[in-house]
Structures are given as C-alpha cells and as structure tokens.
Protein backbone atom coordinates (compact mmCIF):
# COMPACT_ATOMS: atom_id res chain seq x y z
CA MET A 1 -31.42 -83.51 -119.79
CA ASP A 2 -31.28 -82.54 -123.46
CA LEU A 3 -28.54 -83.70 -125.83
CA PRO A 4 -26.42 -80.49 -125.87
CA THR A 5 -26.35 -80.41 -122.05
CA PHE A 6 -25.41 -84.09 -121.97
CA LEU A 7 -22.57 -83.47 -124.44
CA VAL A 8 -21.27 -80.54 -122.38
CA GLN A 9 -21.23 -82.66 -119.23
CA CYS A 10 -19.46 -85.50 -121.07
CA LEU A 11 -16.80 -83.09 -122.31
CA ASN A 12 -16.40 -81.67 -118.80
CA ALA A 13 -16.02 -85.19 -117.38
CA ILE A 14 -13.39 -86.11 -119.97
CA GLN A 15 -11.43 -82.92 -119.37
CA TYR A 16 -11.51 -83.38 -115.59
CA GLY A 17 -10.58 -87.05 -115.89
CA LEU A 18 -7.62 -86.36 -118.17
CA LEU A 19 -6.32 -83.62 -115.86
CA LEU A 20 -6.60 -86.06 -112.96
CA PHE A 21 -4.68 -88.60 -115.00
CA LEU A 22 -1.75 -86.23 -115.51
CA VAL A 23 -1.40 -85.73 -111.78
CA ALA A 24 -2.17 -89.34 -110.82
CA SER A 25 0.20 -90.84 -113.39
CA GLY A 26 3.15 -89.11 -111.75
CA LEU A 27 1.92 -90.17 -108.32
CA THR A 28 1.48 -93.81 -109.31
CA LEU A 29 4.92 -93.90 -110.94
CA ILE A 30 6.60 -92.47 -107.84
CA PHE A 31 4.67 -94.70 -105.45
CA GLY A 32 4.80 -97.83 -107.58
CA ILE A 33 8.47 -97.63 -108.56
CA MET A 34 10.16 -95.77 -105.72
CA GLY A 35 7.89 -97.00 -102.94
CA VAL A 36 7.52 -93.49 -101.47
CA ILE A 37 4.19 -92.21 -100.17
CA ASN A 38 4.40 -88.65 -101.43
CA LEU A 39 1.79 -86.45 -99.77
CA ALA A 40 3.45 -83.40 -101.34
CA HIS A 41 2.45 -84.44 -104.87
CA GLY A 42 -0.59 -82.15 -104.85
CA SER A 43 1.75 -79.25 -104.16
CA PHE A 44 3.43 -79.85 -107.52
CA TYR A 45 0.04 -79.30 -109.16
CA MET A 46 -0.24 -76.03 -107.23
CA ILE A 47 3.30 -75.04 -108.25
CA GLY A 48 2.35 -75.62 -111.88
CA ALA A 49 -0.68 -73.36 -111.56
CA TYR A 50 1.42 -70.59 -109.99
CA LEU A 51 4.04 -71.08 -112.70
CA ALA A 52 1.29 -70.39 -115.26
CA PHE A 53 0.36 -67.24 -113.36
CA SER A 54 3.98 -66.09 -113.13
CA LEU A 55 5.04 -66.96 -116.70
CA SER A 56 1.96 -65.74 -118.56
CA PRO A 57 3.07 -62.05 -118.58
CA LEU A 58 6.44 -63.13 -120.02
CA PHE A 59 5.14 -65.32 -122.85
CA GLY A 60 1.89 -63.57 -123.77
CA ASP A 61 0.07 -65.61 -126.41
CA GLN A 62 2.97 -68.06 -126.78
CA PHE A 63 1.08 -70.54 -124.64
CA ILE A 64 2.80 -73.68 -125.93
CA LEU A 65 6.21 -72.18 -125.17
CA GLN A 66 4.93 -71.22 -121.73
CA LEU A 67 3.87 -74.80 -121.05
CA LEU A 68 7.21 -76.16 -122.25
CA ALA A 69 9.14 -73.68 -120.09
CA GLY A 70 7.02 -74.54 -117.05
CA VAL A 71 7.48 -78.28 -117.59
CA ALA A 72 11.25 -77.82 -117.92
CA LEU A 73 11.43 -75.76 -114.72
CA ALA A 74 9.27 -78.29 -112.86
CA ALA A 75 11.41 -81.21 -114.05
CA ILE A 76 14.60 -79.48 -112.88
CA PHE A 77 12.94 -78.71 -109.55
CA GLY A 78 11.83 -82.33 -109.20
CA TYR A 79 15.30 -83.66 -110.00
CA ILE A 80 16.88 -81.45 -107.35
CA LEU A 81 14.14 -82.25 -104.82
CA GLU A 82 14.68 -86.00 -105.22
CA TRP A 83 18.41 -85.57 -104.82
CA VAL A 84 18.15 -83.37 -101.71
CA PHE A 85 15.18 -84.96 -99.89
CA PHE A 86 13.56 -88.05 -101.37
CA SER A 87 16.76 -90.03 -101.96
CA TYR A 88 16.95 -90.48 -98.18
CA LEU A 89 13.44 -91.93 -97.85
CA TYR A 90 13.68 -95.19 -99.79
CA GLN A 91 14.85 -97.28 -96.85
CA ARG A 92 12.65 -95.51 -94.31
CA ASP A 93 9.29 -96.77 -93.14
CA HIS A 94 6.06 -95.25 -94.45
CA LEU A 95 5.44 -93.16 -91.32
CA GLN A 96 8.69 -91.26 -91.84
CA GLN A 97 7.84 -90.78 -95.51
CA VAL A 98 4.43 -89.37 -94.61
CA LEU A 99 5.88 -86.98 -92.03
CA MET A 100 8.61 -85.81 -94.38
CA THR A 101 6.34 -85.21 -97.36
CA TYR A 102 3.68 -83.55 -95.20
CA SER A 103 6.31 -81.15 -93.91
CA LEU A 104 7.13 -80.32 -97.52
CA ILE A 105 3.50 -79.30 -98.04
CA LEU A 106 3.86 -76.76 -95.23
CA VAL A 107 7.15 -75.49 -96.66
CA PHE A 108 5.68 -75.09 -100.16
CA GLU A 109 2.60 -73.29 -98.84
CA GLU A 110 4.72 -70.88 -96.81
CA CYS A 111 7.00 -70.20 -99.77
CA ARG A 112 3.94 -69.59 -101.94
CA SER A 113 2.57 -67.15 -99.37
CA ILE A 114 5.86 -65.24 -99.22
CA LEU A 115 6.44 -65.10 -102.97
CA VAL A 116 2.97 -64.42 -104.41
CA GLY A 117 0.69 -63.76 -101.43
CA ASN A 118 -2.60 -65.35 -100.43
CA GLU A 119 -4.90 -63.81 -103.01
CA VAL A 120 -6.84 -65.69 -105.65
CA HIS A 121 -5.37 -65.06 -109.10
CA GLY A 122 -6.82 -65.51 -112.55
CA VAL A 123 -4.85 -66.72 -115.55
CA LYS A 124 -6.11 -65.54 -118.92
CA ALA A 125 -6.33 -68.10 -121.70
CA PRO A 126 -4.46 -67.08 -124.87
CA ASP A 127 -6.46 -65.16 -127.45
CA TRP A 128 -6.12 -67.89 -130.07
CA LEU A 129 -7.92 -70.28 -127.70
CA SER A 130 -10.71 -67.87 -126.72
CA GLY A 131 -14.30 -68.26 -127.78
CA GLY A 132 -16.36 -71.43 -128.05
CA ILE A 133 -18.04 -73.86 -130.39
CA SER A 134 -21.79 -74.20 -130.72
CA LEU A 135 -23.42 -77.36 -129.43
CA GLY A 136 -26.88 -76.50 -130.62
CA GLY A 137 -29.18 -73.67 -129.66
CA VAL A 138 -27.56 -71.16 -127.35
CA MET A 139 -25.10 -73.60 -125.75
CA THR A 140 -21.40 -73.27 -126.49
CA TYR A 141 -18.32 -75.06 -125.21
CA PRO A 142 -15.04 -73.16 -124.64
CA ILE A 143 -12.31 -73.87 -127.16
CA TYR A 144 -9.70 -73.73 -124.40
CA ASN A 145 -11.37 -76.65 -122.60
CA LEU A 146 -11.14 -78.70 -125.80
CA PHE A 147 -7.48 -77.75 -126.08
CA ALA A 148 -6.90 -78.82 -122.46
CA SER A 149 -8.46 -82.24 -123.13
CA ALA A 150 -6.50 -82.67 -126.36
CA ALA A 151 -3.21 -81.68 -124.70
CA CYS A 152 -3.78 -84.12 -121.84
CA LEU A 153 -4.66 -86.87 -124.30
CA VAL A 154 -1.48 -86.26 -126.31
CA VAL A 155 0.61 -86.44 -123.13
CA ALA A 156 -1.20 -89.63 -122.06
CA ILE A 157 -0.44 -91.29 -125.42
CA GLY A 158 3.18 -90.14 -125.23
CA LEU A 159 3.54 -91.42 -121.68
CA TYR A 160 2.06 -94.80 -122.64
CA TYR A 161 4.51 -95.03 -125.56
CA VAL A 162 7.52 -94.14 -123.40
CA VAL A 163 6.64 -96.63 -120.66
CA ASN A 164 5.74 -99.51 -122.97
CA ARG A 165 7.83 -99.01 -126.12
CA THR A 166 11.18 -97.47 -125.13
CA LYS A 167 14.34 -98.58 -123.36
CA LEU A 168 13.69 -96.07 -120.58
CA GLY A 169 10.23 -97.52 -120.15
CA MET A 170 11.68 -101.02 -119.99
CA MET A 171 14.00 -99.92 -117.17
CA ILE A 172 11.09 -98.23 -115.38
CA ARG A 173 8.99 -101.40 -115.56
CA ALA A 174 11.92 -103.52 -114.44
CA GLY A 175 12.67 -101.16 -111.56
CA ALA A 176 9.08 -101.41 -110.41
CA SER A 177 9.18 -105.21 -110.50
CA ASN A 178 12.60 -105.90 -108.97
CA ARG A 179 14.87 -102.97 -108.17
CA ASP A 180 17.67 -105.21 -106.81
CA MET A 181 17.87 -107.15 -110.08
CA VAL A 182 17.94 -103.88 -112.04
CA ARG A 183 20.79 -102.66 -109.86
CA GLY A 184 22.60 -105.96 -110.37
CA LEU A 185 22.37 -105.54 -114.15
CA GLY A 186 24.41 -102.35 -113.90
CA ILE A 187 21.59 -99.83 -114.34
CA ASN A 188 22.04 -96.64 -112.33
CA ILE A 189 18.93 -96.99 -110.19
CA ARG A 190 19.53 -93.63 -108.50
CA LEU A 191 19.52 -91.82 -111.84
CA LEU A 192 16.44 -93.79 -112.87
CA TYR A 193 14.64 -92.76 -109.69
CA ARG A 194 15.53 -89.11 -110.19
CA THR A 195 14.34 -89.24 -113.78
CA VAL A 196 11.04 -90.82 -112.75
CA PHE A 197 10.54 -88.35 -109.93
CA ALA A 198 11.34 -85.37 -112.17
CA ALA A 199 8.85 -86.70 -114.73
CA GLY A 200 6.18 -87.10 -112.03
CA VAL A 201 6.68 -83.53 -110.84
CA ALA A 202 6.60 -82.25 -114.43
CA LEU A 203 3.34 -84.09 -115.17
CA ALA A 204 1.64 -82.68 -112.06
CA ALA A 205 2.92 -79.17 -112.82
CA LEU A 206 1.73 -79.45 -116.43
CA ALA A 207 -1.75 -80.36 -115.19
CA GLY A 208 -1.71 -77.31 -112.93
CA MET A 209 -0.62 -75.03 -115.76
CA ILE A 210 -3.33 -76.34 -118.08
CA ALA A 211 -6.00 -76.09 -115.38
CA ALA A 212 -5.05 -72.58 -114.24
CA PRO A 213 -7.12 -70.63 -116.83
CA VAL A 214 -10.16 -72.80 -115.98
CA THR A 215 -10.03 -73.04 -112.19
CA SER A 216 -8.02 -69.92 -111.22
CA VAL A 217 -5.00 -70.05 -108.92
CA TYR A 218 -5.52 -70.03 -105.17
CA PRO A 219 -3.83 -71.12 -101.92
CA GLY A 220 -4.20 -74.75 -100.92
CA MET A 221 -5.39 -75.88 -104.34
CA GLY A 222 -3.14 -78.93 -104.19
CA GLY A 223 -4.93 -80.45 -101.20
CA HIS A 224 -8.15 -81.49 -102.91
CA ILE A 225 -6.44 -82.77 -106.05
CA LEU A 226 -4.11 -84.91 -103.91
CA ILE A 227 -6.99 -86.75 -102.23
CA ILE A 228 -8.77 -87.45 -105.52
CA CYS A 229 -5.51 -88.58 -107.14
CA PHE A 230 -4.88 -91.10 -104.37
CA VAL A 231 -8.37 -92.42 -105.08
CA VAL A 232 -7.46 -92.70 -108.78
CA VAL A 233 -4.22 -94.52 -107.97
CA VAL A 234 -5.97 -96.98 -105.67
CA ILE A 235 -8.76 -97.66 -108.18
CA GLY A 236 -6.40 -98.01 -111.13
CA GLY A 237 -3.83 -100.14 -109.34
CA ILE A 238 -0.60 -98.85 -107.82
CA GLY A 239 2.07 -98.48 -110.47
CA SER A 240 -0.22 -98.88 -113.49
CA ILE A 241 -0.37 -96.08 -116.06
CA THR A 242 -3.23 -97.67 -117.99
CA GLY A 243 -5.14 -98.27 -114.77
CA ALA A 244 -4.64 -94.64 -113.75
CA LEU A 245 -6.10 -93.46 -117.08
CA ILE A 246 -9.17 -95.70 -116.82
CA ALA A 247 -9.70 -94.80 -113.16
CA ALA A 248 -9.29 -91.06 -113.80
CA LEU A 249 -11.93 -91.12 -116.54
CA LEU A 250 -14.29 -93.13 -114.31
CA VAL A 251 -13.80 -90.64 -111.48
CA GLY A 252 -14.33 -87.75 -113.90
CA PHE A 253 -17.68 -89.10 -115.09
CA VAL A 254 -18.88 -90.12 -111.62
CA ASP A 255 -17.96 -86.75 -110.11
CA THR A 256 -19.35 -84.65 -112.99
CA PHE A 257 -22.68 -86.45 -113.41
CA GLY A 258 -22.99 -86.91 -109.65
CA LYS A 259 -23.03 -83.12 -109.27
CA VAL A 260 -25.69 -82.90 -111.98
CA PHE A 261 -28.10 -85.58 -110.74
CA PHE A 262 -27.24 -85.95 -107.04
CA ALA A 263 -25.88 -82.58 -105.99
CA GLN A 264 -26.31 -83.16 -102.25
CA LEU A 265 -24.58 -86.55 -102.37
CA SER A 266 -21.97 -85.78 -105.02
CA GLY A 267 -19.16 -85.63 -102.49
CA ILE A 268 -19.39 -89.33 -101.70
CA GLY A 269 -19.92 -90.68 -105.22
CA VAL A 270 -16.22 -91.06 -105.99
CA TYR A 271 -15.57 -92.87 -102.71
CA LEU A 272 -18.50 -95.21 -103.27
CA LEU A 273 -16.97 -96.02 -106.67
CA MET A 274 -13.63 -96.75 -105.00
CA ALA A 275 -15.27 -98.98 -102.39
CA ALA A 276 -17.19 -100.94 -105.04
CA ILE A 277 -14.09 -101.53 -107.19
CA LEU A 278 -11.94 -102.54 -104.23
CA ILE A 279 -14.57 -105.07 -103.13
CA TRP A 280 -14.50 -106.51 -106.65
CA ARG A 281 -10.73 -106.18 -107.26
CA PRO A 282 -8.71 -105.36 -104.11
CA GLU A 283 -5.54 -104.90 -106.17
CA GLY A 284 -7.15 -102.29 -108.43
CA LEU A 285 -8.16 -102.43 -112.08
CA LYS A 286 -4.76 -103.17 -113.62
CA SER A 287 -2.37 -104.08 -110.79
CA LYS A 288 0.92 -102.86 -112.32
CA GLY A 289 -0.11 -103.94 -115.78
CA TYR A 290 1.04 -100.59 -117.23
C-alpha cells in the first residue's frame, strides 16, 4: 500500500469513527444515565438522514442552517418521545424496555415507508463542499468528507466540555452515579432525563444528516449502525463519553483496514476487537470515567 492510499484509508477510518461516536455518545448517555436499553436509537440516525433528504430542497446551499434546523427538530422530537414513551420505562425490567423500543423501530419504519416510500434516495452535498484535495498523483479526497470529520470533531469537543465543565454536565454525571441523591438535592430528575434523551436523539440525527450525502438514504439504515454502536458502547464503557470516542475510533480503524487487508473476514474484525478488550477489561475502557 502506497502512502496516498494509506492516508485515504486513515481519513476514512477517522470519519467513520467520528460518525459512530456521535451516535454512540447519545446511546451511552441514555443507557448509562437513564438505565434504558434503547433498541430504537439506530432509528434516530435514520430519521436524521431522511431529515437531510427532506430539508435539502428547502435550504439549498445553506447546509449549516440545514443541520441546525434538523438538530432542533430532532431534539424536540426526542423530548416529546421521552415524555410520551420512555418516562414509563425507568422502573420496568430490561425485557419490557427491549420490547417497547423494538416496537418503536417497527413504528418508525412504517412511518418512513408511508411518508417517503421505500426507494433509495441521494442527498447532494452543497456546492461549496464539492470537489477534493490532492493526496499525490491522481488520488484525491472529497472535501465534504473532511468537513464531516471536522464537524464531528467539533461536536465531540463541545460534548466533552458540556459534560465535564458545566453545571448541566455536573448534574448529568451525578445522575449517572446516584439518581436518588440527585433527586434528594432538589434537582428535577425528570427534566434532566428529558434533556439527556433529547440530546441523544439530536446527536444521532446529526450523524445521520452528516452521513446522508456520503452513504445515501435508504430503508433500514438504522439497523446496522445500532449494532456497531452497541459494540462501541460496550468497548468504551457504559456511560463514558471519552470511552465512546476512543472505542469509536478503534472500531473505525479496525473496520476500515480490515476491509482493505482481510476483505473476506472483515465482518468479524470489530467483534474480535470487542472480545479481546472485554477479556482484558470487562468493564470497558473507561467505565463511566467520562
């Protein structure tokens, strides 16, 4: 493998890993703080991708505004969804949570089929992000992919700052450690849960919107991302943002270079990585270390 090809694969791995982090960070927050096994989280990624498809004709080249509008809509949707459905799951056992969230997957897929059909749709990247940069010789790398990685990195830094340096983050960390004590201190734990859930939905939807011009928009696209994100959460440590970032990048590199060097066995590389890390550290890399 020559140097330009190696650089392209590294950039692809970083982009994939950072997109995984956006989805997995919301999943690990919801699971680690609220204690809910949310199988419908991949559907929020799909909803984000379809939001990109639906909003792109309205915003044209105003891609940043499109992302902000999609995130706002997803956050409102997440807030309402927690209030209507998930607020009743906290005291239920995990089997009921799994059944409830799996049923939501079916509902979302049927709504998607009714509203936009079952065709595969493409989302055009904005003109100001078209083209590519030269990596030597005839190889180029799309500017949009660099933008996607940069946007995910900015969100990751912002999320780390919020969780570790703000009052809201302090309440989130406290709620994850001892929700009864947080409630006893007078903090509205219900509002905190709804805020966290809305943020998790918004992060997953943002990942879907960013990924849409790269991967297209198609039915069932949330299923695969959900499985990989659970792997990321388990590797990183349930409830840990920093662990999710490290694990997502590891998965990105293993998956990308596995497809390059071991194409026939690439499907099991990520799961072998998970098995190896769990043998070494059963609690995951960070274990709620944020």
